[in-house]
N, C-alpha and C. Protein backbone atom coordinates (compact mmCIF):
# COMPACT_ATOMS: atom_id res chain seq x y z
N MET A 1 -35.08 17.28 22.79
CA MET A 1 -35.91 18.13 21.99
C MET A 1 -37.23 18.32 22.71
N SER A 2 -37.70 19.59 22.74
CA SER A 2 -38.94 19.84 23.36
C SER A 2 -40.01 20.18 22.30
N ASN A 3 -41.22 19.72 22.53
CA ASN A 3 -42.36 19.94 21.64
C ASN A 3 -43.13 21.21 22.06
N MET A 4 -43.73 21.92 21.12
CA MET A 4 -44.49 23.05 21.38
C MET A 4 -45.97 22.89 20.89
N THR A 5 -46.92 23.12 21.81
CA THR A 5 -48.26 23.00 21.41
C THR A 5 -48.68 24.26 20.66
N VAL A 6 -49.60 24.14 19.76
CA VAL A 6 -50.07 25.27 18.98
C VAL A 6 -51.54 25.47 19.19
N THR A 7 -51.95 26.73 19.34
CA THR A 7 -53.36 27.08 19.47
C THR A 7 -53.63 28.25 18.59
N ALA A 8 -54.65 28.10 17.71
CA ALA A 8 -55.12 29.19 16.81
C ALA A 8 -56.45 29.62 17.31
N SER A 9 -56.52 30.88 17.72
CA SER A 9 -57.76 31.39 18.30
C SER A 9 -58.97 31.42 17.27
N THR A 10 -58.65 31.46 16.00
CA THR A 10 -59.71 31.50 14.95
C THR A 10 -60.15 30.15 14.49
N ALA A 11 -59.60 29.15 15.07
CA ALA A 11 -59.99 27.74 14.75
C ALA A 11 -60.66 27.18 15.98
N PRO A 12 -61.62 26.21 15.86
CA PRO A 12 -62.25 25.62 17.00
C PRO A 12 -61.23 25.00 17.95
N GLY A 13 -61.43 25.13 19.25
CA GLY A 13 -60.54 24.49 20.19
C GLY A 13 -60.67 23.00 20.16
N ALA A 14 -59.65 22.35 20.59
CA ALA A 14 -59.68 20.90 20.61
C ALA A 14 -60.85 20.38 21.48
N LEU A 15 -61.55 19.37 20.98
CA LEU A 15 -62.74 18.91 21.66
C LEU A 15 -62.44 17.74 22.62
N GLY A 16 -61.20 17.49 22.80
CA GLY A 16 -60.80 16.43 23.71
C GLY A 16 -59.44 16.84 24.43
N PRO A 17 -58.74 15.84 25.02
CA PRO A 17 -57.52 16.15 25.75
C PRO A 17 -56.29 16.16 24.74
N TYR A 18 -56.39 16.99 23.79
CA TYR A 18 -55.22 17.09 22.81
C TYR A 18 -55.09 18.47 22.30
N SER A 19 -54.10 18.76 21.53
CA SER A 19 -53.80 20.09 20.99
C SER A 19 -54.30 20.20 19.59
N GLN A 20 -54.49 21.48 19.06
CA GLN A 20 -54.79 21.68 17.68
C GLN A 20 -53.61 21.22 16.78
N ALA A 21 -52.46 21.48 17.36
CA ALA A 21 -51.20 21.03 16.63
C ALA A 21 -50.08 21.01 17.58
N VAL A 22 -49.02 20.21 17.22
CA VAL A 22 -47.78 20.24 17.99
C VAL A 22 -46.56 20.33 16.96
N VAL A 23 -45.62 21.26 17.35
CA VAL A 23 -44.44 21.47 16.64
C VAL A 23 -43.40 20.61 17.23
N ALA A 24 -42.73 19.73 16.47
CA ALA A 24 -41.68 18.86 16.99
C ALA A 24 -40.48 19.03 16.02
N GLY A 25 -39.52 19.83 16.44
CA GLY A 25 -38.42 20.15 15.51
C GLY A 25 -38.99 21.02 14.28
N ASP A 26 -38.67 20.51 13.16
CA ASP A 26 -39.15 21.18 11.85
C ASP A 26 -40.50 20.65 11.44
N TRP A 27 -41.09 19.78 12.20
CA TRP A 27 -42.43 19.14 11.70
C TRP A 27 -43.58 19.73 12.59
N VAL A 28 -44.68 19.82 11.87
CA VAL A 28 -45.96 20.26 12.55
C VAL A 28 -46.92 19.17 12.41
N PHE A 29 -47.55 18.67 13.45
CA PHE A 29 -48.57 17.63 13.35
C PHE A 29 -49.85 18.18 13.80
N THR A 30 -50.81 18.23 12.89
CA THR A 30 -52.09 18.81 13.22
C THR A 30 -53.10 17.77 13.65
N ALA A 31 -54.03 18.18 14.53
CA ALA A 31 -55.07 17.26 14.87
C ALA A 31 -56.17 17.28 13.83
N GLY A 32 -57.03 16.29 13.88
CA GLY A 32 -58.14 16.27 12.86
C GLY A 32 -59.05 17.42 13.07
N GLN A 33 -59.77 17.79 12.08
CA GLN A 33 -60.73 18.90 12.13
C GLN A 33 -62.08 18.42 11.57
N ILE A 34 -63.05 19.13 12.04
CA ILE A 34 -64.39 18.96 11.53
C ILE A 34 -64.82 20.33 10.99
N GLY A 35 -65.98 20.39 10.26
CA GLY A 35 -66.43 21.63 9.68
C GLY A 35 -67.14 22.59 10.60
N LEU A 36 -66.47 22.73 11.76
CA LEU A 36 -67.09 23.63 12.82
C LEU A 36 -66.48 25.07 12.69
N ASP A 37 -67.40 26.01 12.66
CA ASP A 37 -67.06 27.44 12.57
C ASP A 37 -66.76 27.91 13.94
N ALA A 38 -65.60 28.38 14.25
CA ALA A 38 -65.26 28.80 15.60
C ALA A 38 -65.93 30.14 15.98
N SER A 39 -66.31 30.93 15.00
CA SER A 39 -66.95 32.24 15.40
C SER A 39 -68.31 32.04 16.02
N ASP A 40 -69.12 30.96 15.57
CA ASP A 40 -70.45 30.75 16.19
C ASP A 40 -70.72 29.34 16.58
N GLU A 41 -69.64 28.54 16.55
CA GLU A 41 -69.72 27.10 16.92
C GLU A 41 -70.78 26.30 16.24
N THR A 42 -70.98 26.56 14.97
CA THR A 42 -72.02 25.83 14.18
C THR A 42 -71.27 24.92 13.23
N LEU A 43 -71.91 23.78 12.91
CA LEU A 43 -71.33 22.79 11.99
C LEU A 43 -71.91 23.10 10.66
N LYS A 44 -71.12 23.26 9.66
CA LYS A 44 -71.61 23.53 8.31
C LYS A 44 -72.46 22.33 7.89
N GLU A 45 -73.45 22.63 7.04
CA GLU A 45 -74.40 21.52 6.71
C GLU A 45 -74.07 20.74 5.55
N THR A 46 -73.36 21.30 4.52
CA THR A 46 -73.06 20.53 3.38
C THR A 46 -71.59 19.97 3.35
N ILE A 47 -71.32 19.00 2.48
CA ILE A 47 -69.98 18.47 2.51
C ILE A 47 -69.04 19.54 1.99
N GLU A 48 -69.44 20.35 1.04
CA GLU A 48 -68.59 21.49 0.49
C GLU A 48 -68.39 22.50 1.59
N GLY A 49 -69.45 22.88 2.33
CA GLY A 49 -69.30 23.85 3.44
C GLY A 49 -68.33 23.30 4.50
N GLN A 50 -68.53 22.02 4.93
CA GLN A 50 -67.61 21.46 5.90
C GLN A 50 -66.19 21.38 5.46
N THR A 51 -66.02 21.00 4.13
CA THR A 51 -64.65 20.93 3.62
C THR A 51 -63.93 22.28 3.62
N LEU A 52 -64.66 23.29 3.20
CA LEU A 52 -64.10 24.64 3.18
C LEU A 52 -63.80 25.11 4.64
N GLN A 53 -64.68 24.77 5.55
CA GLN A 53 -64.46 25.19 6.91
C GLN A 53 -63.23 24.52 7.49
N VAL A 54 -63.10 23.23 7.26
CA VAL A 54 -61.98 22.47 7.75
C VAL A 54 -60.68 23.07 7.18
N LEU A 55 -60.72 23.43 5.89
CA LEU A 55 -59.44 24.01 5.23
C LEU A 55 -59.13 25.37 5.92
N GLU A 56 -60.19 26.15 6.20
CA GLU A 56 -59.96 27.47 6.93
C GLU A 56 -59.46 27.25 8.25
N ASN A 57 -59.94 26.27 8.97
CA ASN A 57 -59.44 25.93 10.34
C ASN A 57 -57.99 25.51 10.30
N LEU A 58 -57.68 24.63 9.35
CA LEU A 58 -56.26 24.19 9.27
C LEU A 58 -55.37 25.31 8.82
N THR A 59 -55.84 26.22 7.91
CA THR A 59 -55.04 27.34 7.53
C THR A 59 -54.66 28.19 8.80
N ALA A 60 -55.58 28.41 9.69
CA ALA A 60 -55.36 29.14 10.89
C ALA A 60 -54.40 28.41 11.82
N VAL A 61 -54.53 27.08 11.95
CA VAL A 61 -53.59 26.29 12.86
C VAL A 61 -52.19 26.30 12.19
N LEU A 62 -52.10 26.13 10.86
CA LEU A 62 -50.74 26.14 10.21
C LEU A 62 -50.09 27.52 10.40
N ALA A 63 -50.84 28.55 10.27
CA ALA A 63 -50.28 29.90 10.46
C ALA A 63 -49.85 30.10 11.91
N ALA A 64 -50.63 29.64 12.88
CA ALA A 64 -50.20 29.78 14.24
C ALA A 64 -48.93 29.03 14.54
N ALA A 65 -48.67 27.95 13.82
CA ALA A 65 -47.49 27.14 13.87
C ALA A 65 -46.29 27.73 13.14
N GLY A 66 -46.57 28.85 12.35
CA GLY A 66 -45.46 29.48 11.63
C GLY A 66 -45.32 28.93 10.14
N GLY A 67 -46.45 28.31 9.71
CA GLY A 67 -46.33 27.68 8.40
C GLY A 67 -47.55 27.99 7.56
N GLY A 68 -47.74 27.24 6.49
CA GLY A 68 -48.88 27.39 5.67
C GLY A 68 -48.99 26.20 4.77
N TRP A 69 -49.93 26.31 3.83
CA TRP A 69 -50.16 25.19 2.90
C TRP A 69 -48.94 24.80 2.10
N ARG A 70 -48.11 25.76 1.79
CA ARG A 70 -46.94 25.54 0.96
C ARG A 70 -46.01 24.49 1.65
N ASP A 71 -46.17 24.31 2.98
CA ASP A 71 -45.31 23.49 3.77
C ASP A 71 -45.92 22.01 3.94
N VAL A 72 -47.16 21.82 3.51
CA VAL A 72 -47.78 20.56 3.75
C VAL A 72 -47.33 19.58 2.70
N VAL A 73 -46.95 18.40 3.19
CA VAL A 73 -46.51 17.31 2.27
C VAL A 73 -47.48 16.12 2.27
N LYS A 74 -48.37 16.00 3.22
CA LYS A 74 -49.30 14.82 3.37
C LYS A 74 -50.54 15.20 4.04
N THR A 75 -51.67 14.81 3.56
CA THR A 75 -52.97 14.99 4.19
C THR A 75 -53.70 13.67 4.22
N THR A 76 -54.55 13.50 5.19
CA THR A 76 -55.43 12.34 5.22
C THR A 76 -56.87 12.94 5.43
N VAL A 77 -57.75 12.52 4.58
CA VAL A 77 -59.13 13.04 4.71
C VAL A 77 -60.03 11.85 4.91
N TYR A 78 -60.91 11.95 5.97
CA TYR A 78 -61.88 10.93 6.25
C TYR A 78 -63.28 11.54 5.95
N LEU A 79 -63.97 10.88 5.05
CA LEU A 79 -65.36 11.37 4.71
C LEU A 79 -66.28 10.29 5.19
N TRP A 80 -67.24 10.78 5.97
CA TRP A 80 -68.31 9.83 6.41
C TRP A 80 -69.19 9.46 5.30
N ARG A 81 -69.73 8.23 5.31
CA ARG A 81 -70.63 7.83 4.25
C ARG A 81 -71.90 8.75 4.21
N ARG A 82 -72.30 9.14 3.03
CA ARG A 82 -73.43 9.98 2.90
C ARG A 82 -74.58 9.24 2.27
N PRO A 83 -75.74 9.62 2.49
CA PRO A 83 -76.91 9.08 1.82
C PRO A 83 -76.81 9.24 0.23
N ALA A 84 -77.47 8.42 -0.50
CA ALA A 84 -77.43 8.58 -1.97
C ALA A 84 -77.83 9.92 -2.37
N GLY A 85 -77.11 10.47 -3.36
CA GLY A 85 -77.42 11.79 -3.87
C GLY A 85 -76.81 12.93 -3.15
N VAL A 86 -76.11 12.69 -2.06
CA VAL A 86 -75.39 13.71 -1.32
C VAL A 86 -73.93 13.57 -1.64
N GLY A 87 -73.29 14.78 -1.90
CA GLY A 87 -71.90 14.77 -2.25
C GLY A 87 -70.99 14.05 -1.29
N GLY A 88 -69.84 13.60 -1.79
CA GLY A 88 -68.91 12.82 -1.03
C GLY A 88 -67.55 13.10 -1.47
N MET A 89 -66.75 12.07 -1.77
CA MET A 89 -65.38 12.17 -2.24
C MET A 89 -65.15 13.24 -3.27
N SER A 90 -65.94 13.18 -4.33
CA SER A 90 -65.72 14.08 -5.44
C SER A 90 -66.06 15.59 -5.09
N SER A 91 -66.97 15.68 -4.03
CA SER A 91 -67.38 17.07 -3.64
C SER A 91 -66.28 17.79 -3.03
N LYS A 92 -65.24 17.14 -2.39
CA LYS A 92 -64.19 17.89 -1.69
C LYS A 92 -63.21 18.42 -2.68
N ARG A 93 -62.97 17.77 -3.86
CA ARG A 93 -62.00 18.16 -4.76
C ARG A 93 -62.05 19.69 -5.16
N PRO A 94 -63.15 20.19 -5.65
CA PRO A 94 -63.18 21.63 -5.98
C PRO A 94 -62.86 22.58 -4.85
N CYS A 95 -63.12 22.13 -3.63
CA CYS A 95 -62.86 22.99 -2.51
C CYS A 95 -61.38 23.14 -2.22
N THR A 96 -60.55 22.08 -2.57
CA THR A 96 -59.19 22.21 -2.29
C THR A 96 -58.38 22.94 -3.42
N LEU A 97 -58.95 23.24 -4.50
CA LEU A 97 -58.24 23.83 -5.61
C LEU A 97 -57.70 25.29 -5.21
N PRO A 98 -58.40 26.13 -4.53
CA PRO A 98 -57.90 27.40 -4.13
C PRO A 98 -56.71 27.20 -3.19
N ILE A 99 -56.78 26.24 -2.31
CA ILE A 99 -55.73 26.03 -1.37
C ILE A 99 -54.47 25.42 -1.96
N TRP A 100 -54.74 24.42 -2.89
CA TRP A 100 -53.54 23.81 -3.55
C TRP A 100 -53.53 24.05 -5.05
N PRO A 101 -53.38 25.27 -5.46
CA PRO A 101 -53.42 25.56 -6.92
C PRO A 101 -52.27 24.89 -7.68
N THR A 102 -51.05 24.91 -7.16
CA THR A 102 -49.92 24.31 -7.89
C THR A 102 -49.26 23.23 -6.99
N LEU A 103 -49.04 23.39 -5.81
CA LEU A 103 -48.42 22.47 -4.94
C LEU A 103 -49.49 21.52 -4.47
N LYS A 104 -49.42 20.29 -4.76
CA LYS A 104 -50.46 19.31 -4.39
C LYS A 104 -49.79 18.27 -3.48
N PRO A 105 -50.11 18.32 -2.20
CA PRO A 105 -49.53 17.34 -1.30
C PRO A 105 -50.07 15.92 -1.50
N SER A 106 -49.33 14.95 -1.07
CA SER A 106 -49.82 13.61 -1.10
C SER A 106 -51.09 13.55 -0.28
N THR A 107 -52.15 13.03 -0.85
CA THR A 107 -53.42 13.02 -0.09
C THR A 107 -54.01 11.62 -0.13
N ARG A 108 -54.53 11.18 1.00
CA ARG A 108 -55.26 9.96 1.13
C ARG A 108 -56.62 10.27 1.54
N SER A 109 -57.70 9.91 0.74
CA SER A 109 -59.07 10.17 1.10
C SER A 109 -59.69 8.83 1.36
N THR A 110 -60.27 8.67 2.55
CA THR A 110 -60.82 7.37 2.95
C THR A 110 -62.34 7.65 3.36
N PRO A 111 -63.18 6.86 2.75
CA PRO A 111 -64.62 6.94 3.21
C PRO A 111 -64.78 6.16 4.48
N LYS A 112 -65.64 6.68 5.38
CA LYS A 112 -65.82 6.02 6.69
C LYS A 112 -67.34 5.83 6.80
N SER A 113 -67.68 4.73 7.31
CA SER A 113 -69.14 4.46 7.49
C SER A 113 -69.51 4.52 8.93
């Protein structure tokens, strides 16, 4: 079986020696994303802005792989610890509602310090 690398021109390029995604048979494995806007290479300032940008980036990568959010069965979210009063885990939930209105993949959210 051969694997196929995936590149979406509307998502930020890989920042290291890896691919945005790899298709292996019927599976697509995406690389981690940050809230970087590919059009101007700026990092969104808020947790909500970064979450929405990550979802947009992954939407582009999934489309380039021939799929979409309807095909996602598992996600892992790493949120860096924020100072008191700045949104965190609960701030990402409203951002995912438009992406996952009915089909909700298994999701693991992990705070990182």
